[in-house]
Protein backbone atom coordinates (compact mmCIF):
# COMPACT_ATOMS: atom_id res chain seq x y z
CA GLU A 1 14.39 -1.57 33.75
CA LEU A 2 11.21 -2.53 35.66
CA ILE A 3 10.39 -4.98 32.74
CA ARG A 4 13.80 -6.72 33.08
CA VAL A 5 13.38 -6.92 36.79
CA LEU A 6 9.88 -8.56 36.58
CA LEU A 7 11.09 -10.85 33.83
CA ASP A 8 14.19 -11.92 35.73
CA LYS A 9 12.01 -12.85 38.60
CA ASN A 10 9.30 -14.68 36.74
CA CYS A 11 10.91 -15.70 33.44
CA GLY A 12 9.70 -19.08 32.24
CA LYS A 13 7.31 -20.72 29.81
CA LYS A 14 4.23 -19.44 31.65
CA VAL A 15 5.37 -15.85 31.51
CA LEU A 16 6.41 -16.09 27.89
CA ASN A 17 2.95 -17.23 26.89
CA VAL A 18 0.84 -15.14 29.15
CA LYS A 19 -2.18 -13.36 27.67
CA ASP A 20 -4.89 -11.00 29.08
CA GLY A 21 -8.57 -11.49 28.73
CA THR A 22 -8.62 -10.62 25.11
CA GLN A 23 -5.77 -13.07 24.42
CA MET A 24 -3.31 -10.20 23.90
CA SER A 25 0.25 -11.02 24.87
CA PRO A 26 2.85 -8.47 26.40
CA MET A 27 4.19 -8.11 22.76
CA HIS A 28 0.81 -7.00 21.46
CA ILE A 29 0.49 -4.45 24.34
CA ALA A 30 3.93 -3.02 23.77
CA ALA A 31 3.39 -2.79 19.95
CA ALA A 32 0.03 -1.13 20.29
CA HIS A 33 1.50 1.51 22.72
CA ASP A 34 4.40 2.30 20.39
CA PHE A 35 6.95 0.89 22.90
CA LEU A 36 9.84 -0.21 20.99
CA GLU A 37 12.20 -0.45 23.77
CA GLY A 38 9.70 -2.86 25.44
CA ILE A 39 9.51 -4.90 22.16
CA LYS A 40 13.35 -5.29 22.19
CA ILE A 41 13.41 -6.39 25.90
CA LEU A 42 10.59 -8.88 25.25
CA THR A 43 12.37 -10.17 22.28
CA THR A 44 15.49 -10.67 24.19
CA TYR A 45 13.59 -12.71 26.69
CA GLY A 46 12.22 -14.95 23.97
CA PHE A 47 8.60 -13.53 23.56
CA ASN A 48 6.94 -14.62 20.34
CA HIS A 49 6.49 -12.05 17.59
CA ALA A 50 3.95 -14.35 15.70
CA VAL A 51 1.59 -14.91 18.67
CA LYS A 52 -2.10 -14.20 17.82
CA THR A 53 -5.06 -13.00 19.82
CA ASP A 54 -8.52 -14.77 19.81
CA ARG A 55 -9.18 -12.68 16.71
CA GLY A 56 -6.03 -13.69 14.97
CA ILE A 57 -4.39 -10.23 15.45
CA SER A 58 -0.55 -10.31 15.49
CA PRO A 59 1.68 -7.76 17.27
CA LEU A 60 2.79 -6.59 13.85
CA MET A 61 -0.91 -5.76 13.03
CA CYS A 62 -0.99 -3.74 16.34
CA ALA A 63 2.23 -1.96 15.39
CA VAL A 64 0.76 -0.73 12.10
CA SER A 65 -2.52 0.46 13.67
CA GLN A 66 -0.90 3.49 15.42
CA THR A 67 -3.19 6.54 15.80
CA ASN A 68 -0.46 9.16 15.15
CA PRO A 69 2.65 7.22 13.81
CA GLY A 70 5.96 8.89 13.83
CA GLN A 71 9.48 7.78 13.32
CA SER A 72 9.55 5.71 16.51
CA SER A 73 6.40 3.80 15.32
CA LEU A 74 8.07 3.11 11.94
CA ASP A 75 11.36 2.02 13.57
CA MET A 76 9.21 -0.42 15.63
CA VAL A 77 7.58 -1.79 12.46
CA LYS A 78 10.97 -2.13 10.86
CA TYR A 79 12.47 -3.92 13.88
CA MET A 80 9.44 -6.38 14.14
CA VAL A 81 9.52 -7.17 10.35
CA ARG A 82 13.12 -8.12 10.74
CA LYS A 83 12.23 -10.59 13.45
CA LEU A 84 9.61 -12.40 11.35
CA ASP A 85 9.85 -14.63 8.27
CA ILE A 86 7.58 -14.05 5.18
CA ASN A 87 4.75 -16.17 6.65
CA GLY A 88 4.84 -14.10 9.90
CA ILE A 89 4.57 -10.89 7.85
CA ASN A 90 1.84 -12.19 5.70
CA MET A 91 -0.16 -13.68 8.80
CA GLN A 92 -3.90 -13.31 8.38
CA ASP A 93 -6.32 -12.50 11.23
CA LYS A 94 -9.82 -13.97 11.78
CA TRP A 95 -11.18 -12.04 8.79
CA GLY A 96 -8.35 -12.96 6.49
CA GLN A 97 -6.55 -9.54 6.71
CA THR A 98 -2.78 -9.12 6.70
CA ALA A 99 -0.72 -6.36 8.33
CA LEU A 100 -0.60 -4.76 4.78
CA HIS A 101 -4.53 -4.54 4.84
CA TYR A 102 -4.19 -2.73 8.25
CA ALA A 103 -1.51 -0.27 6.99
CA SER A 104 -3.45 0.38 3.80
CA ASP A 105 -6.71 0.83 5.57
CA ASP A 106 -5.04 3.35 7.98
CA GLN A 107 -3.32 4.82 4.87
CA TRP A 108 0.12 4.69 6.59
CA MET A 109 2.32 4.98 3.53
CA GLU A 110 5.74 4.26 5.26
CA ALA A 111 4.57 1.21 7.06
CA ALA A 112 3.18 -0.11 3.83
CA GLU A 113 6.46 0.32 1.94
CA VAL A 114 8.20 -1.57 4.66
CA LEU A 115 5.68 -4.46 4.47
CA LEU A 116 5.73 -4.57 0.76
CA LYS A 117 9.55 -4.68 0.79
CA HIS A 118 9.74 -7.66 3.16
CA GLY A 119 6.43 -9.48 2.83
CA ARG A 120 5.66 -9.26 -0.95
CA HIS A 121 1.96 -9.85 -0.06
CA ARG A 122 0.31 -7.30 -2.22
CA ASN A 123 -2.46 -9.44 -3.59
CA ILE A 124 -3.56 -11.55 -0.50
CA SER A 125 -7.39 -11.40 -0.23
CA ASP A 126 -9.41 -11.40 2.99
CA HIS A 127 -12.53 -13.36 3.43
CA ALA A 128 -14.56 -10.84 1.52
CA GLY A 129 -12.24 -11.13 -1.42
CA HIS A 130 -10.64 -7.78 -0.67
CA THR A 131 -6.98 -7.14 -1.23
CA SER A 132 -5.22 -4.13 0.21
CA LEU A 133 -6.13 -2.07 -2.82
CA PHE A 134 -9.77 -2.46 -1.67
CA ASP A 135 -8.89 -1.07 1.75
CA VAL A 136 -7.30 1.94 0.32
CA VAL A 137 -10.52 2.93 -1.32
CA GLY A 138 -12.47 2.18 1.88
CA SER A 139 -14.33 -0.87 0.94
CA ASN A 140 -13.21 -2.98 3.74
CA THR A 141 -16.21 -4.36 5.63
CA TYR A 142 -14.16 -5.56 8.61
CA SER A 143 -12.22 -2.54 9.47
CA HIS A 144 -14.31 -1.72 12.61
CA TYR A 145 -13.51 -5.08 14.29
CA LYS A 146 -9.75 -4.60 14.28
CA TYR A 147 -9.49 -1.55 16.53
CA PHE A 148 -8.97 -2.09 20.08
CA TRP A 149 -9.87 0.12 23.21
CA TYR A 150 -6.82 2.27 22.83
CA VAL A 151 -7.17 3.12 19.18
CA VAL A 152 -9.26 6.15 17.88
CA ALA A 153 -12.11 5.61 15.53
CA ALA A 154 -11.50 5.01 11.81
CA ASP A 155 -13.05 8.26 10.81
CA ALA A 156 -10.14 10.20 12.48
CA ARG A 157 -7.66 8.71 10.04
CA VAL A 158 -5.85 11.16 7.51
CA LYS A 159 -6.76 10.46 3.83
CA LYS A 160 -3.69 9.66 1.84
CA GLY A 161 -5.23 7.09 -0.37
CA GLU A 162 -3.85 8.35 -3.67
CA ASP A 163 -0.18 7.93 -2.74
CA ILE A 164 -0.58 4.53 -1.11
CA LEU A 165 -2.70 3.41 -4.17
CA LYS A 166 0.18 4.28 -6.41
CA LEU A 167 2.64 2.59 -4.08
CA LEU A 168 0.62 -0.71 -4.17
CA ILE A 169 0.30 -0.46 -7.95
CA LYS A 170 4.08 0.16 -8.27
CA HIS A 171 4.51 -3.10 -6.41
CA ARG A 172 2.36 -4.88 -8.93
CA ALA A 173 -0.93 -5.04 -7.06
CA ASP A 174 -3.51 -6.41 -9.31
CA VAL A 175 -6.18 -3.79 -10.19
CA ASN A 176 -8.49 -6.38 -11.86
CA LEU A 177 -8.93 -8.98 -8.96
CA GLN A 178 -12.56 -9.29 -8.07
CA ASP A 179 -14.01 -9.57 -4.63
CA LYS A 180 -16.87 -12.08 -3.44
CA ASP A 181 -19.33 -9.69 -5.05
CA GLY A 182 -17.45 -9.73 -8.36
CA ALA A 183 -16.44 -6.05 -7.91
CA THR A 184 -12.99 -4.64 -8.61
CA VAL A 185 -11.41 -1.64 -7.03
CA LEU A 186 -12.74 0.40 -9.98
CA HIS A 187 -16.20 -0.65 -9.15
CA ARG A 188 -15.68 0.31 -5.52
CA VAL A 189 -14.35 3.76 -6.40
CA VAL A 190 -17.18 4.80 -8.59
CA THR A 191 -19.80 3.58 -6.10
CA LYS A 192 -18.42 5.30 -3.05
CA PRO A 193 -21.23 6.83 -0.87
CA ASP A 194 -19.22 9.97 -0.28
CA LEU A 195 -18.28 10.41 -4.08
CA ASP A 196 -19.80 13.98 -4.12
CA GLN A 197 -17.91 15.18 -1.01
CA GLN A 198 -14.56 13.71 -2.23
CA PHE A 199 -15.15 13.94 -5.94
CA ASP A 200 -11.52 15.10 -6.95
CA HIS A 201 -9.92 12.56 -4.62
CA TYR A 202 -11.81 9.71 -6.17
CA VAL A 203 -11.39 10.86 -9.78
CA ALA A 204 -7.60 10.87 -9.12
CA MET A 205 -7.95 7.24 -7.79
CA PHE A 206 -9.95 6.20 -10.76
CA ASN A 207 -7.43 7.61 -13.21
CA THR A 208 -4.55 5.93 -11.45
CA ILE A 209 -6.41 2.59 -11.42
CA LEU A 210 -7.27 2.99 -15.17
CA ALA A 211 -3.68 3.84 -16.09
CA ALA A 212 -2.63 0.65 -14.29
CA GLY A 213 -4.57 -1.56 -16.75
CA ALA A 214 -7.95 -1.69 -15.08
CA ASP A 215 -10.48 -3.60 -17.32
CA VAL A 216 -13.61 -1.41 -17.58
CA HIS A 217 -15.50 -4.35 -19.07
CA LEU A 218 -15.50 -6.53 -16.03
CA LYS A 219 -18.94 -6.98 -14.60
CA VAL A 220 -20.22 -7.44 -11.15
């Protein structure tokens, strides 16, 4: 109710477009803190779901970067996706990444399913030529930029790569796309620095990618 009181007293163009020092809007803050009710109130008052920070980060990207996502987090993602057109869902940040890159990098299966259903943006590449498939196998060189002061380190994320890899492939993600170095996801899997520690995990990924039609003759 406090949000409504403040908005009723100050509602206007200035308030609707207000941002903090990092160019985050109230919509970004609410999404980052898993505050669905706040998102709904802000929407009612006309706040923009497609607004970006100085790094090109959208509220939806904040929403899919939850540290411990639960059902309320997923409900928020579903709500926000319904308020965006396909361009808003496929919006890219400063590094060319979409919300699907974020969800894939965080290995949040349920959020990725929602984005794939509504956005159909499985093969969008970032500025390094990485699609969401590359993020699943951990080859994203930009992931450390997109975490804010209230998000835990990337190392704390749960490894659910095999399932989300299968999900992306089910939605026709291209396993033969090459990044700026000419590498495919197959190259990235077999050159992982922690291959010895996660051998079974990466072998399962390798077999999944191979079964999806990966071309073993592509060269870097």
